[in-house]
Amino acid sequence: MPQMNKGSKFIFGKSLIRKDLTIHLPTQAIREYNATTEGKIYLFTGSKVTGGFCVTRKGLLEPSKLGHILTDNPDLQQYQIAEGEFIQYKGRSYCWISISENGTIQFNEEIMEFLNLNIGMKLLSIRSSDIAFTMGRKDRY
């Protein structure tokens, strides 16, 4: 998918939140971020404008300038908090969830409510940085 406007962020594609609370992340985003290589990903709350959530993995986040998120939260870093349980840290909320080899993630009702998402909602997959991509709420664009 192209950029929304000239000079704007690159859009990988869109994903639908299905009735079974699964989301398949766009293939190009999965490949670019090697999102499935660890079997787990981190989600964190998106901006107030974009909504939705951001996606990264330990191998990208840990060595980055934002690695302190994990070192300051060792239970998150070692996946010792419950899957899908959000923790607050410096204005954002973070959790981890499993990701299938084909890039499907499974939410539960608590994650859906926490992120203010609904079944049938379409999310745009947006290149945010070299650390994470955003799954932004399409109703915000």
C-alpha atoms as a PDB file:
ATOM      1  CA  MET A   1       0.000   0.000   0.000  1.00  0.00           C
ATOM      2  CA  PRO A   2       1.305   3.500  -0.727  1.00  0.00           C
ATOM      3  CA  GLN A   3       1.728   6.483   1.534  1.00  0.00           C
ATOM      4  CA  MET A   4      -1.478   8.238   2.587  1.00  0.00           C
ATOM      5  CA  ASN A   5      -0.157  11.598   1.385  1.00  0.00           C
ATOM      6  CA  LYS A   6       3.106  12.642  -0.229  1.00  0.00           C
ATOM      7  CA  GLY A   7       5.772  12.711   2.482  1.00  0.00           C
ATOM      8  CA  SER A   8       3.619  10.886   5.006  1.00  0.00           C
ATOM      9  CA  LYS A   9       4.127   7.541   6.739  1.00  0.00           C
ATOM     10  CA  PHE A  10       4.179   4.322   4.723  1.00  0.00           C
ATOM     11  CA  ILE A  11       1.089   2.104   5.050  1.00  0.00           C
ATOM     12  CA  PHE A  12       1.693  -1.671   4.956  1.00  0.00           C
ATOM     13  CA  GLY A  13      -1.990  -2.510   4.701  1.00  0.00           C
ATOM     14  CA  LYS A  14      -5.050  -2.937   6.833  1.00  0.00           C
ATOM     15  CA  SER A  15      -6.204  -5.640   9.212  1.00  0.00           C
ATOM     16  CA  LEU A  16      -9.671  -6.538  10.411  1.00  0.00           C
ATOM     17  CA  ILE A  17     -10.494  -7.482  13.981  1.00  0.00           C
ATOM     18  CA  ARG A  18     -12.438 -10.702  13.489  1.00  0.00           C
ATOM     19  CA  LYS A  19     -15.291 -12.112  15.562  1.00  0.00           C
ATOM     20  CA  ASP A  20     -12.892 -14.572  17.231  1.00  0.00           C
ATOM     21  CA  LEU A  21     -10.751 -11.555  18.310  1.00  0.00           C
ATOM     22  CA  THR A  22      -7.885 -12.453  15.977  1.00  0.00           C
ATOM     23  CA  ILE A  23      -5.989 -10.029  13.789  1.00  0.00           C
ATOM     24  CA  HIS A  24      -3.680 -10.988  10.956  1.00  0.00           C
ATOM     25  CA  LEU A  25      -0.859  -8.459  10.652  1.00  0.00           C
ATOM     26  CA  PRO A  26       0.092  -7.435   7.088  1.00  0.00           C
ATOM     27  CA  THR A  27       2.755  -9.673   5.550  1.00  0.00           C
ATOM     28  CA  GLN A  28       5.038  -6.794   4.576  1.00  0.00           C
ATOM     29  CA  ALA A  29       5.082  -5.462   8.158  1.00  0.00           C
ATOM     30  CA  ILE A  30       5.756  -8.957   9.522  1.00  0.00           C
ATOM     31  CA  ARG A  31       8.705  -9.362   7.149  1.00  0.00           C
ATOM     32  CA  GLU A  32      10.195  -5.910   7.673  1.00  0.00           C
ATOM     33  CA  TYR A  33      10.159  -6.222  11.471  1.00  0.00           C
ATOM     34  CA  ASN A  34      10.719 -10.013  11.597  1.00  0.00           C
ATOM     35  CA  ALA A  35       7.723  -9.959  13.915  1.00  0.00           C
ATOM     36  CA  THR A  36       7.204 -13.715  14.131  1.00  0.00           C
ATOM     37  CA  THR A  37      10.810 -14.808  14.813  1.00  0.00           C
ATOM     38  CA  GLU A  38      10.512 -14.830  18.606  1.00  0.00           C
ATOM     39  CA  GLY A  39       6.947 -16.150  18.886  1.00  0.00           C
ATOM     40  CA  LYS A  40       6.059 -13.214  21.137  1.00  0.00           C
ATOM     41  CA  ILE A  41       5.586  -9.520  20.526  1.00  0.00           C
ATOM     42  CA  TYR A  42       5.158  -6.461  22.678  1.00  0.00           C
ATOM     43  CA  LEU A  43       2.157  -4.197  22.244  1.00  0.00           C
ATOM     44  CA  PHE A  44       2.033  -0.689  23.578  1.00  0.00           C
ATOM     45  CA  THR A  45      -0.545   2.030  23.441  1.00  0.00           C
ATOM     46  CA  GLY A  46      -0.503   4.277  20.410  1.00  0.00           C
ATOM     47  CA  SER A  47      -0.744   8.030  20.279  1.00  0.00           C
ATOM     48  CA  LYS A  48      -3.986   9.808  21.119  1.00  0.00           C
ATOM     49  CA  VAL A  49      -4.312  10.902  17.487  1.00  0.00           C
ATOM     50  CA  THR A  50      -3.692   7.495  15.889  1.00  0.00           C
ATOM     51  CA  GLY A  51      -5.212   5.290  18.582  1.00  0.00           C
ATOM     52  CA  GLY A  52      -4.744   1.560  18.337  1.00  0.00           C
ATOM     53  CA  PHE A  53      -1.409   0.101  19.375  1.00  0.00           C
ATOM     54  CA  CYS A  54       2.222  -0.298  18.380  1.00  0.00           C
ATOM     55  CA  VAL A  55       3.956  -3.628  17.732  1.00  0.00           C
ATOM     56  CA  THR A  56       7.576  -4.563  18.385  1.00  0.00           C
ATOM     57  CA  ARG A  57       9.615  -7.509  19.625  1.00  0.00           C
ATOM     58  CA  LYS A  58      12.364  -7.976  22.187  1.00  0.00           C
ATOM     59  CA  GLY A  59      15.135  -8.252  19.577  1.00  0.00           C
ATOM     60  CA  LEU A  60      14.286  -4.774  18.248  1.00  0.00           C
ATOM     61  CA  LEU A  61      13.362  -3.014  21.481  1.00  0.00           C
ATOM     62  CA  GLU A  62      16.057  -4.297  23.839  1.00  0.00           C
ATOM     63  CA  PRO A  63      19.131  -2.959  21.976  1.00  0.00           C
ATOM     64  CA  SER A  64      17.436   0.324  21.012  1.00  0.00           C
ATOM     65  CA  LYS A  65      17.480   3.683  22.767  1.00  0.00           C
ATOM     66  CA  LEU A  66      14.124   2.610  24.238  1.00  0.00           C
ATOM     67  CA  GLY A  67      15.589  -0.566  25.733  1.00  0.00           C
ATOM     68  CA  HIS A  68      15.130   0.939  29.197  1.00  0.00           C
ATOM     69  CA  ILE A  69      11.435   0.078  28.872  1.00  0.00           C
ATOM     70  CA  LEU A  70      12.424  -3.568  29.274  1.00  0.00           C
ATOM     71  CA  THR A  71      15.344  -3.186  31.680  1.00  0.00           C
ATOM     72  CA  ASP A  72      13.190  -1.036  33.984  1.00  0.00           C
ATOM     73  CA  ASN A  73      10.379  -3.629  33.764  1.00  0.00           C
ATOM     74  CA  PRO A  74      12.095  -7.025  34.068  1.00  0.00           C
ATOM     75  CA  ASP A  75       8.794  -8.903  34.446  1.00  0.00           C
ATOM     76  CA  LEU A  76       7.774  -7.586  31.026  1.00  0.00           C
ATOM     77  CA  GLN A  77      11.230  -8.279  29.597  1.00  0.00           C
ATOM     78  CA  GLN A  78      11.136 -11.918  30.753  1.00  0.00           C
ATOM     79  CA  TYR A  79       7.431 -12.435  29.904  1.00  0.00           C
ATOM     80  CA  GLN A  80       6.696 -13.059  33.593  1.00  0.00           C
ATOM     81  CA  ILE A  81       3.519 -10.992  33.684  1.00  0.00           C
ATOM     82  CA  ALA A  82       0.395 -12.655  32.324  1.00  0.00           C
ATOM     83  CA  GLU A  83      -0.007 -12.626  28.563  1.00  0.00           C
ATOM     84  CA  GLY A  84      -2.061  -9.562  27.604  1.00  0.00           C
ATOM     85  CA  GLU A  85      -1.676  -7.883  31.014  1.00  0.00           C
ATOM     86  CA  PHE A  86      -0.783  -4.225  30.531  1.00  0.00           C
ATOM     87  CA  ILE A  87       1.673  -2.409  32.765  1.00  0.00           C
ATOM     88  CA  GLN A  88       2.040   1.365  32.879  1.00  0.00           C
ATOM     89  CA  TYR A  89       5.422   2.968  32.286  1.00  0.00           C
ATOM     90  CA  LYS A  90       6.167   6.628  31.581  1.00  0.00           C
ATOM     91  CA  GLY A  91       2.812   7.521  30.048  1.00  0.00           C
ATOM     92  CA  ARG A  92       2.243   4.403  27.942  1.00  0.00           C
ATOM     93  CA  SER A  93       1.023   0.902  28.652  1.00  0.00           C
ATOM     94  CA  TYR A  94       2.832  -2.269  27.577  1.00  0.00           C
ATOM     95  CA  CYS A  95       2.039  -5.973  27.363  1.00  0.00           C
ATOM     96  CA  TRP A  96       3.239  -9.051  25.531  1.00  0.00           C
ATOM     97  CA  ILE A  97       1.253 -11.563  23.498  1.00  0.00           C
ATOM     98  CA  SER A  98       2.029 -14.571  21.344  1.00  0.00           C
ATOM     99  CA  ILE A  99       2.154 -14.327  17.569  1.00  0.00           C
ATOM    100  CA  SER A 100       1.704 -17.249  15.190  1.00  0.00           C
ATOM    101  CA  GLU A 101       4.183 -18.084  12.449  1.00  0.00           C
ATOM    102  CA  ASN A 102       1.814 -16.553   9.884  1.00  0.00           C
ATOM    103  CA  GLY A 103       1.420 -13.296  11.832  1.00  0.00           C
ATOM    104  CA  THR A 104      -1.895 -13.802  13.577  1.00  0.00           C
ATOM    105  CA  ILE A 105      -2.413 -12.446  17.078  1.00  0.00           C
ATOM    106  CA  GLN A 106      -5.227 -13.384  19.455  1.00  0.00           C
ATOM    107  CA  PHE A 107      -6.771 -10.763  21.699  1.00  0.00           C
ATOM    108  CA  ASN A 108      -9.068 -11.314  24.657  1.00  0.00           C
ATOM    109  CA  GLU A 109     -11.904  -9.090  25.888  1.00  0.00           C
ATOM    110  CA  GLU A 110      -9.617  -7.299  28.362  1.00  0.00           C
ATOM    111  CA  ILE A 111      -7.125  -6.280  25.651  1.00  0.00           C
ATOM    112  CA  MET A 112      -9.953  -5.155  23.369  1.00  0.00           C
ATOM    113  CA  GLU A 113     -11.457  -3.017  26.115  1.00  0.00           C
ATOM    114  CA  PHE A 114      -8.100  -1.624  27.264  1.00  0.00           C
ATOM    115  CA  LEU A 115      -7.186  -0.537  23.716  1.00  0.00           C
ATOM    116  CA  ASN A 116     -10.742   0.650  22.958  1.00  0.00           C
ATOM    117  CA  LEU A 117     -11.112  -1.729  20.011  1.00  0.00           C
ATOM    118  CA  ASN A 118     -14.196  -3.447  18.607  1.00  0.00           C
ATOM    119  CA  ILE A 119     -14.950  -6.495  16.484  1.00  0.00           C
ATOM    120  CA  GLY A 120     -15.097  -5.497  12.814  1.00  0.00           C
ATOM    121  CA  MET A 121     -12.803  -2.516  13.299  1.00  0.00           C
ATOM    122  CA  LYS A 122     -10.183  -1.993  10.593  1.00  0.00           C
ATOM    123  CA  LEU A 123      -6.653  -1.069  11.631  1.00  0.00           C
ATOM    124  CA  LEU A 124      -4.038   0.509   9.356  1.00  0.00           C
ATOM    125  CA  SER A 125      -0.538  -0.872   9.677  1.00  0.00           C
ATOM    126  CA  ILE A 126       1.818   2.114   9.576  1.00  0.00           C
ATOM    127  CA  ARG A 127       5.633   2.174   9.560  1.00  0.00           C
ATOM    128  CA  SER A 128       6.462   4.152  12.694  1.00  0.00           C
ATOM    129  CA  SER A 129      10.207   3.652  13.172  1.00  0.00           C
ATOM    130  CA  ASP A 130      12.871   0.990  12.863  1.00  0.00           C
ATOM    131  CA  ILE A 131      11.757  -0.325  16.270  1.00  0.00           C
ATOM    132  CA  ALA A 132       7.968  -0.638  15.902  1.00  0.00           C
ATOM    133  CA  PHE A 133       5.013  -0.312  13.583  1.00  0.00           C
ATOM    134  CA  THR A 134       1.608   1.052  14.483  1.00  0.00           C
ATOM    135  CA  MET A 135      -1.770  -0.581  14.070  1.00  0.00           C
ATOM    136  CA  GLY A 136      -3.784   2.644  13.948  1.00  0.00           C
ATOM    137  CA  ARG A 137      -7.537   2.917  14.089  1.00  0.00           C
ATOM    138  CA  LYS A 138      -8.785   3.464  10.561  1.00  0.00           C
ATOM    139  CA  ASP A 139     -11.743   5.494  11.880  1.00  0.00           C
ATOM    140  CA  ARG A 140      -9.234   8.169  12.891  1.00  0.00           C
ATOM    141  CA  TYR A 141      -8.173   8.862   9.270  1.00  0.00           C
END
